[in-house]
Amino acid sequence: MATDPGLPDFATRYVNLAAARFGAEAVAASDEFFAPRARMLAESPAVFIADKYDENGKWMDGWETRRRRGVGHDWCLVRLAWPGVIHGLDIDTSHFTGNYPPAAMVEGCSSESEPGDDAGWRQIQPAVSLGPSAHHYLPVGKAGPVNWLRLHIYPDGGVARLRVYGEPYCDWSARDRGKIHELSGLESGGRIVACNNAHYGSPWALLAPGRGVNMGDGWETRRRREPGNDWIVVQLGHPGTIERIEVDTAHFKGNFPESCGIQAALVDGGTDSSVVTQAMFWDEALERQKLKADTVHVFERKTIRAQGPVSHVRLNIFPDGGVSRLRIFGRPA
């Protein structure tokens, strides 16, 4: 995936389950005097505006509590966008220099309603030291599935961003295998394996629920100045037989792809890099189709080439541009 090579594997391989854009919410906090808890879940990088102040003091892009003068510590309760298996965390203290927490701990639980202290919390990340204005990438040993997290900071201070990287959990055993389901959605366990470029927006938005809210809510590549085409590989939440494909170019008007096509295959094991190599040679599931601006393009079964069950698809766009959503519907195998 076209991203910062300095990031740990879990931060590029898995989606941020704590992203507000996907529906995650900071539900409660012990204190938020200087900066509200909701800012901590913004997906954009934290910013610092030197001369910006509000009625309580210095404006900070994150969650910040007042200086604690008694015993105890501060905490924030977060509902994840989906129940998920967590692989890693990023506790980001960017721009918090003299007001960052010296340490933090994270615990999680599974609950249908807002959990209390008796909710069966289990430690996901033991107390760890934090530093000023830095990303703290913390691998987690495949914890979950959980849908609630509680971030504890010791004793007080500010956190710019909390990112929780993991796999949305979907219990396919509870779904009717005879019906058509969206196999590719994040809530169904779909995952971006790789893409050749993601200069604008986030490739994960391609699998998000609903239509894109603006041009930034989708996968968009830079302008191609050389031969070839751009592509993205998606692992379905469950292998299945494709019955319908939707390619949505919502809000992409002067920068939508001229056309697209889809390859697909049933992949048994292998690393992400090996899947990317194989994908070049997968059979064509949808031959090249013309696209339009700001349109939901629906391709029914009669247009899709029969292949049997598939687990992965590769969306090819020609030559470049932006796609808001890709939806693969089918019957689970």
Protein backbone atom coordinates (compact mmCIF):
# COMPACT_ATOMS: atom_id res chain seq x y z
CA MET A 1 0.00 0.00 0.00
CA ALA A 2 1.29 3.45 -0.84
CA THR A 3 1.94 4.79 2.65
CA ASP A 4 4.70 5.79 5.07
CA PRO A 5 7.30 2.98 5.08
CA GLY A 6 8.11 3.88 8.68
CA LEU A 7 4.70 2.72 9.91
CA PRO A 8 4.43 -0.67 11.61
CA ASP A 9 2.72 -3.43 9.65
CA PHE A 10 -0.47 -3.35 11.74
CA ALA A 11 -1.00 0.36 10.98
CA THR A 12 -1.16 -0.27 7.23
CA ARG A 13 -2.67 -3.76 7.15
CA TYR A 14 -5.70 -3.10 9.37
CA VAL A 15 -8.41 -0.46 9.58
CA ASN A 16 -8.69 2.09 12.38
CA LEU A 17 -11.65 0.81 14.41
CA ALA A 18 -11.67 4.03 16.47
CA ALA A 19 -12.16 6.40 13.52
CA ALA A 20 -15.05 8.81 14.06
CA ARG A 21 -15.69 8.82 10.28
CA PHE A 22 -16.71 5.15 10.55
CA GLY A 23 -18.97 5.74 13.57
CA ALA A 24 -16.66 5.33 16.56
CA GLU A 25 -17.49 7.62 19.47
CA ALA A 26 -15.78 8.88 22.60
CA VAL A 27 -18.78 8.35 24.87
CA ALA A 28 -17.55 9.61 28.26
CA ALA A 29 -14.48 10.94 30.01
CA SER A 30 -13.44 11.76 33.56
CA ASP A 31 -12.58 15.30 32.44
CA GLU A 32 -12.21 17.31 29.22
CA PHE A 33 -11.64 20.83 30.49
CA PHE A 34 -9.08 21.98 27.92
CA ALA A 35 -10.05 19.93 24.85
CA PRO A 36 -13.09 17.69 24.17
CA ARG A 37 -12.76 13.94 23.95
CA ALA A 38 -14.35 13.80 20.48
CA ARG A 39 -11.29 15.41 18.85
CA MET A 40 -9.17 12.43 19.84
CA LEU A 41 -10.94 10.20 17.28
CA ALA A 42 -10.53 12.48 14.26
CA GLU A 43 -8.78 10.67 11.41
CA SER A 44 -6.83 13.68 10.14
CA PRO A 45 -3.39 14.31 11.66
CA ALA A 46 -3.42 16.60 14.69
CA VAL A 47 -2.53 20.25 14.03
CA PHE A 48 -1.07 23.02 16.17
CA ILE A 49 -2.25 26.62 15.83
CA ALA A 50 0.12 28.81 17.81
CA ASP A 51 -2.14 31.78 18.46
CA LYS A 52 -5.46 29.99 18.91
CA TYR A 53 -7.09 30.15 22.35
CA ASP A 54 -10.58 29.58 23.70
CA GLU A 55 -12.32 30.51 26.94
CA ASN A 56 -10.50 27.78 28.89
CA GLY A 57 -7.02 28.43 27.57
CA LYS A 58 -4.84 27.14 24.75
CA TRP A 59 -6.78 25.39 21.98
CA MET A 60 -5.39 21.90 21.40
CA ASP A 61 -6.28 19.36 18.75
CA GLY A 62 -7.04 16.32 20.87
CA TRP A 63 -8.44 15.38 24.29
CA GLU A 64 -6.94 17.25 27.24
CA THR A 65 -7.86 17.21 30.92
CA ARG A 66 -7.15 19.83 33.57
CA ARG A 67 -4.17 19.53 35.91
CA ARG A 68 -5.10 16.96 38.53
CA ARG A 69 -4.55 18.13 42.12
CA GLY A 70 -5.80 15.04 43.95
CA VAL A 71 -5.46 11.27 43.82
CA GLY A 72 -6.56 9.16 40.88
CA HIS A 73 -6.16 9.50 37.11
CA ASP A 74 -8.16 10.39 34.02
CA TRP A 75 -9.86 8.07 31.53
CA CYS A 76 -11.93 8.09 28.34
CA LEU A 77 -14.54 5.53 27.25
CA VAL A 78 -14.62 4.76 23.49
CA ARG A 79 -17.19 2.78 21.50
CA LEU A 80 -15.51 1.29 18.44
CA ALA A 81 -17.06 1.59 14.99
CA TRP A 82 -17.49 -2.21 14.91
CA PRO A 83 -16.66 -5.09 17.22
CA GLY A 84 -13.18 -6.11 16.23
CA VAL A 85 -10.02 -8.06 16.87
CA ILE A 86 -7.29 -5.55 17.75
CA HIS A 87 -3.75 -5.90 16.42
CA GLY A 88 -2.18 -2.59 17.41
CA LEU A 89 -2.61 0.88 18.88
CA ASP A 90 -1.30 4.36 18.25
CA ILE A 91 -1.44 6.66 21.28
CA ASP A 92 -0.45 9.91 19.64
CA THR A 93 0.68 12.88 21.75
CA SER A 94 1.50 15.16 18.80
CA HIS A 95 1.91 18.82 19.88
CA PHE A 96 1.45 17.93 23.55
CA THR A 97 4.89 18.79 24.92
CA GLY A 98 4.58 20.00 28.51
CA ASN A 99 1.11 18.59 28.99
CA TYR A 100 1.27 14.97 27.78
CA PRO A 101 0.48 12.03 30.13
CA PRO A 102 3.62 10.25 31.36
CA ALA A 103 1.87 6.88 30.99
CA ALA A 104 -1.26 5.19 29.62
CA MET A 105 -3.10 1.87 29.77
CA VAL A 106 -5.87 0.47 27.57
CA GLU A 107 -8.52 -2.11 28.42
CA GLY A 108 -11.41 -3.52 26.42
CA CYS A 109 -14.69 -5.37 26.76
CA SER A 110 -17.69 -6.54 24.78
CA SER A 111 -21.05 -5.07 25.72
CA GLU A 112 -24.35 -4.28 24.00
CA SER A 113 -24.82 -1.16 26.16
CA GLU A 114 -22.50 1.39 27.75
CA PRO A 115 -20.32 -0.65 30.11
CA GLY A 116 -19.60 0.11 33.75
CA ASP A 117 -16.76 -0.99 35.99
CA ASP A 118 -18.31 -4.46 36.27
CA ALA A 119 -18.35 -5.13 32.50
CA GLY A 120 -15.58 -7.72 32.49
CA TRP A 121 -12.83 -5.39 31.32
CA ARG A 122 -9.59 -7.05 30.28
CA GLN A 123 -6.25 -5.38 29.78
CA ILE A 124 -5.28 -4.95 26.12
CA GLN A 125 -2.22 -2.79 26.66
CA PRO A 126 -0.50 -2.71 30.08
CA ALA A 127 0.65 0.65 31.41
CA VAL A 128 3.29 2.05 29.10
CA SER A 129 5.42 5.19 29.28
CA LEU A 130 4.57 8.02 26.88
CA GLY A 131 6.73 10.81 25.55
CA PRO A 132 6.05 14.34 24.30
CA SER A 133 4.70 15.01 20.80
CA ALA A 134 5.14 11.49 19.45
CA HIS A 135 3.29 8.53 17.96
CA HIS A 136 3.42 5.53 20.30
CA TYR A 137 2.83 2.46 18.13
CA LEU A 138 2.00 -0.52 20.33
CA PRO A 139 1.51 -4.01 18.87
CA VAL A 140 -1.27 -6.01 20.52
CA GLY A 141 -1.43 -9.78 20.56
CA LYS A 142 -4.70 -10.17 18.64
CA ALA A 143 -7.07 -9.03 21.39
CA GLY A 144 -10.82 -9.39 21.14
CA PRO A 145 -13.28 -9.26 19.68
CA VAL A 146 -14.26 -6.19 21.71
CA ASN A 147 -16.46 -3.19 20.93
CA TRP A 148 -15.54 -0.91 23.85
CA LEU A 149 -12.19 0.49 24.96
CA ARG A 150 -11.18 2.49 28.01
CA LEU A 151 -8.06 4.63 27.72
CA HIS A 152 -6.47 5.44 31.08
CA ILE A 153 -3.90 8.24 31.30
CA TYR A 154 -1.70 8.75 34.34
CA PRO A 155 -2.35 11.09 35.99
CA ASP A 156 -3.72 13.66 33.51
CA GLY A 157 -2.82 15.53 30.32
CA GLY A 158 -3.54 15.45 26.61
CA VAL A 159 -3.74 12.82 23.85
CA ALA A 160 -3.97 14.12 20.29
CA ARG A 161 -5.24 10.93 18.65
CA LEU A 162 -6.14 7.37 19.61
CA ARG A 163 -6.04 4.90 16.74
CA VAL A 164 -7.06 1.28 17.17
CA TYR A 165 -5.97 -0.96 14.28
CA GLY A 166 -7.79 -4.24 13.84
CA GLU A 167 -10.19 -6.47 11.92
CA PRO A 168 -13.94 -5.87 12.18
CA TYR A 169 -15.51 -9.04 13.53
CA CYS A 170 -18.43 -10.59 11.68
CA ASP A 171 -20.08 -13.84 12.80
CA TRP A 172 -20.85 -15.40 9.42
CA SER A 173 -22.20 -18.55 11.10
CA ALA A 174 -25.25 -16.50 12.13
CA ARG A 175 -26.00 -15.35 8.58
CA ASP A 176 -28.26 -17.08 6.09
CA ARG A 177 -25.93 -18.60 3.48
CA GLY A 178 -28.76 -18.80 0.95
CA LYS A 179 -29.25 -15.03 0.82
CA ILE A 180 -27.20 -12.37 -0.92
CA HIS A 181 -24.96 -10.34 1.39
CA GLU A 182 -22.42 -7.59 0.93
CA LEU A 183 -19.21 -9.57 1.14
CA SER A 184 -16.78 -6.67 0.87
CA GLY A 185 -17.94 -4.16 3.51
CA LEU A 186 -15.81 -3.34 6.53
CA GLU A 187 -18.67 -4.37 8.82
CA SER A 188 -18.63 -7.77 7.07
CA GLY A 189 -14.90 -8.23 7.65
CA GLY A 190 -13.71 -6.90 4.29
CA ARG A 191 -10.12 -5.64 4.14
CA ILE A 192 -7.87 -3.61 1.87
CA VAL A 193 -4.86 -5.79 1.04
CA ALA A 194 -2.89 -3.29 -1.05
CA CYS A 195 -3.12 -0.58 -3.66
CA ASN A 196 -0.56 0.89 -6.01
CA ASN A 197 -1.34 4.46 -4.97
CA ALA A 198 -3.53 6.35 -2.49
CA HIS A 199 -2.36 9.92 -2.80
CA TYR A 200 -5.70 11.41 -1.74
CA GLY A 201 -8.17 10.20 0.86
CA SER A 202 -8.01 6.82 2.55
CA PRO A 203 -8.29 3.52 0.67
CA TRP A 204 -10.26 2.11 3.63
CA ALA A 205 -13.12 4.47 2.78
CA LEU A 206 -13.73 2.34 -0.31
CA LEU A 207 -15.32 -0.36 1.89
CA ALA A 208 -17.12 1.94 4.35
CA PRO A 209 -20.92 1.88 4.75
CA GLY A 210 -23.11 4.53 3.12
CA ARG A 211 -22.24 6.88 0.28
CA GLY A 212 -19.24 9.15 0.48
CA VAL A 213 -19.93 12.50 2.12
CA ASN A 214 -17.47 14.41 -0.09
CA MET A 215 -14.58 13.90 -2.49
CA GLY A 216 -12.22 13.19 0.40
CA ASP A 217 -14.34 10.22 1.49
CA GLY A 218 -13.03 7.65 -0.96
CA TRP A 219 -9.95 6.19 -2.66
CA GLU A 220 -8.25 8.55 -5.12
CA THR A 221 -4.91 8.19 -6.89
CA ARG A 222 -2.60 10.90 -8.20
CA ARG A 223 -2.69 11.87 -11.88
CA ARG A 224 -0.94 9.14 -13.84
CA ARG A 225 1.77 10.43 -16.20
CA GLU A 226 3.01 7.06 -17.42
CA PRO A 227 1.47 4.02 -19.17
CA GLY A 228 -0.62 1.54 -17.20
CA ASN A 229 -3.48 1.82 -14.72
CA ASP A 230 -4.13 2.02 -10.99
CA TRP A 231 -5.50 -0.82 -8.88
CA ILE A 232 -6.57 -1.91 -5.40
CA VAL A 233 -6.89 -5.45 -3.98
CA VAL A 234 -9.68 -6.31 -1.52
CA GLN A 235 -10.07 -9.39 0.65
CA LEU A 236 -13.75 -10.22 1.13
CA GLY A 237 -15.14 -10.77 4.60
CA HIS A 238 -16.17 -14.25 3.52
CA PRO A 239 -15.61 -16.20 0.29
CA GLY A 240 -18.67 -16.24 -1.93
CA THR A 241 -20.15 -16.29 -5.41
CA ILE A 242 -20.47 -12.78 -6.84
CA GLU A 243 -24.03 -11.77 -7.75
CA ARG A 244 -23.77 -7.98 -8.01
CA ILE A 245 -21.08 -5.31 -8.11
CA GLU A 246 -21.45 -1.61 -7.34
CA VAL A 247 -18.82 0.99 -8.22
CA ASP A 248 -19.74 4.42 -6.86
CA THR A 249 -17.97 7.57 -8.07
CA ALA A 250 -19.87 9.88 -5.68
CA HIS A 251 -18.47 13.45 -5.71
CA PHE A 252 -15.79 12.54 -8.26
CA LYS A 253 -16.72 14.74 -11.22
CA GLY A 254 -13.57 15.96 -12.97
CA ASN A 255 -11.42 13.14 -11.65
CA PHE A 256 -13.39 9.90 -11.95
CA PRO A 257 -11.77 6.98 -13.82
CA GLU A 258 -12.60 6.63 -17.50
CA SER A 259 -13.41 2.95 -16.92
CA CYS A 260 -12.91 0.05 -14.54
CA GLY A 261 -12.65 -3.73 -14.51
CA ILE A 262 -12.53 -6.42 -11.83
CA GLN A 263 -10.46 -9.57 -11.45
CA ALA A 264 -11.21 -12.17 -8.78
CA ALA A 265 -9.91 -15.43 -7.33
CA LEU A 266 -10.21 -17.88 -4.46
CA VAL A 267 -6.95 -17.53 -2.53
CA ASP A 268 -5.81 -20.19 -0.11
CA GLY A 269 -3.21 -18.75 2.27
CA GLY A 270 -0.17 -16.67 1.41
CA THR A 271 1.12 -13.28 2.48
CA ASP A 272 -0.33 -9.98 1.33
CA SER A 273 2.66 -9.43 -0.96
CA SER A 274 2.14 -12.84 -2.58
CA VAL A 275 -1.56 -12.03 -3.09
CA VAL A 276 -0.61 -8.80 -4.87
CA THR A 277 1.66 -10.74 -7.21
CA GLN A 278 -1.01 -13.37 -7.92
CA ALA A 279 -3.64 -10.71 -8.55
CA MET A 280 -2.05 -9.69 -11.84
CA PHE A 281 -3.03 -13.08 -13.26
CA TRP A 282 -6.50 -13.58 -11.78
CA ASP A 283 -9.44 -14.27 -14.08
CA GLU A 284 -11.61 -11.38 -15.17
CA ALA A 285 -14.90 -11.19 -13.26
CA LEU A 286 -16.08 -7.94 -14.83
CA GLU A 287 -14.72 -6.83 -18.16
CA ARG A 288 -13.75 -3.20 -18.61
CA GLN A 289 -16.76 -0.90 -18.18
CA LYS A 290 -17.17 2.82 -18.87
CA LEU A 291 -17.75 4.99 -15.80
CA LYS A 292 -19.56 8.29 -15.25
CA ALA A 293 -19.12 11.15 -12.83
CA ASP A 294 -20.84 11.06 -9.43
CA THR A 295 -22.80 7.87 -10.21
CA VAL A 296 -23.56 4.51 -8.62
CA HIS A 297 -22.73 1.95 -11.35
CA VAL A 298 -24.55 -1.35 -10.80
CA PHE A 299 -23.41 -4.49 -12.61
CA GLU A 300 -25.82 -7.41 -12.30
CA ARG A 301 -25.20 -11.16 -12.55
CA LYS A 302 -25.62 -11.29 -16.32
CA THR A 303 -22.64 -8.94 -16.74
CA ILE A 304 -20.42 -10.83 -14.27
CA ARG A 305 -18.45 -13.83 -15.50
CA ALA A 306 -19.17 -17.00 -13.50
CA GLN A 307 -16.17 -18.18 -11.48
CA GLY A 308 -17.53 -19.99 -8.46
CA PRO A 309 -16.54 -18.84 -4.96
CA VAL A 310 -13.89 -16.11 -4.68
CA SER A 311 -12.15 -14.61 -1.64
CA HIS A 312 -10.35 -11.63 -3.20
CA VAL A 313 -11.02 -9.06 -5.90
CA ARG A 314 -8.81 -6.57 -7.69
CA LEU A 315 -10.43 -3.36 -8.89
CA ASN A 316 -8.59 -1.88 -11.86
CA ILE A 317 -9.26 1.75 -12.77
CA PHE A 318 -8.18 3.25 -16.09
CA PRO A 319 -6.01 5.19 -16.08
CA ASP A 320 -6.39 6.81 -12.62
CA GLY A 321 -8.84 8.82 -10.52
CA GLY A 322 -11.21 8.43 -7.62
CA VAL A 323 -13.77 5.84 -6.53
CA SER A 324 -15.91 6.48 -3.48
CA ARG A 325 -17.22 2.96 -2.77
CA LEU A 326 -16.82 -0.60 -4.04
CA ARG A 327 -19.45 -3.12 -3.02
CA ILE A 328 -19.32 -6.83 -3.83
CA PHE A 329 -22.56 -8.68 -3.18
CA GLY A 330 -22.86 -12.44 -3.26
CA ARG A 331 -23.89 -15.70 -1.64
CA PRO A 332 -21.45 -16.90 1.04
CA ALA A 333 -19.68 -20.11 0.10
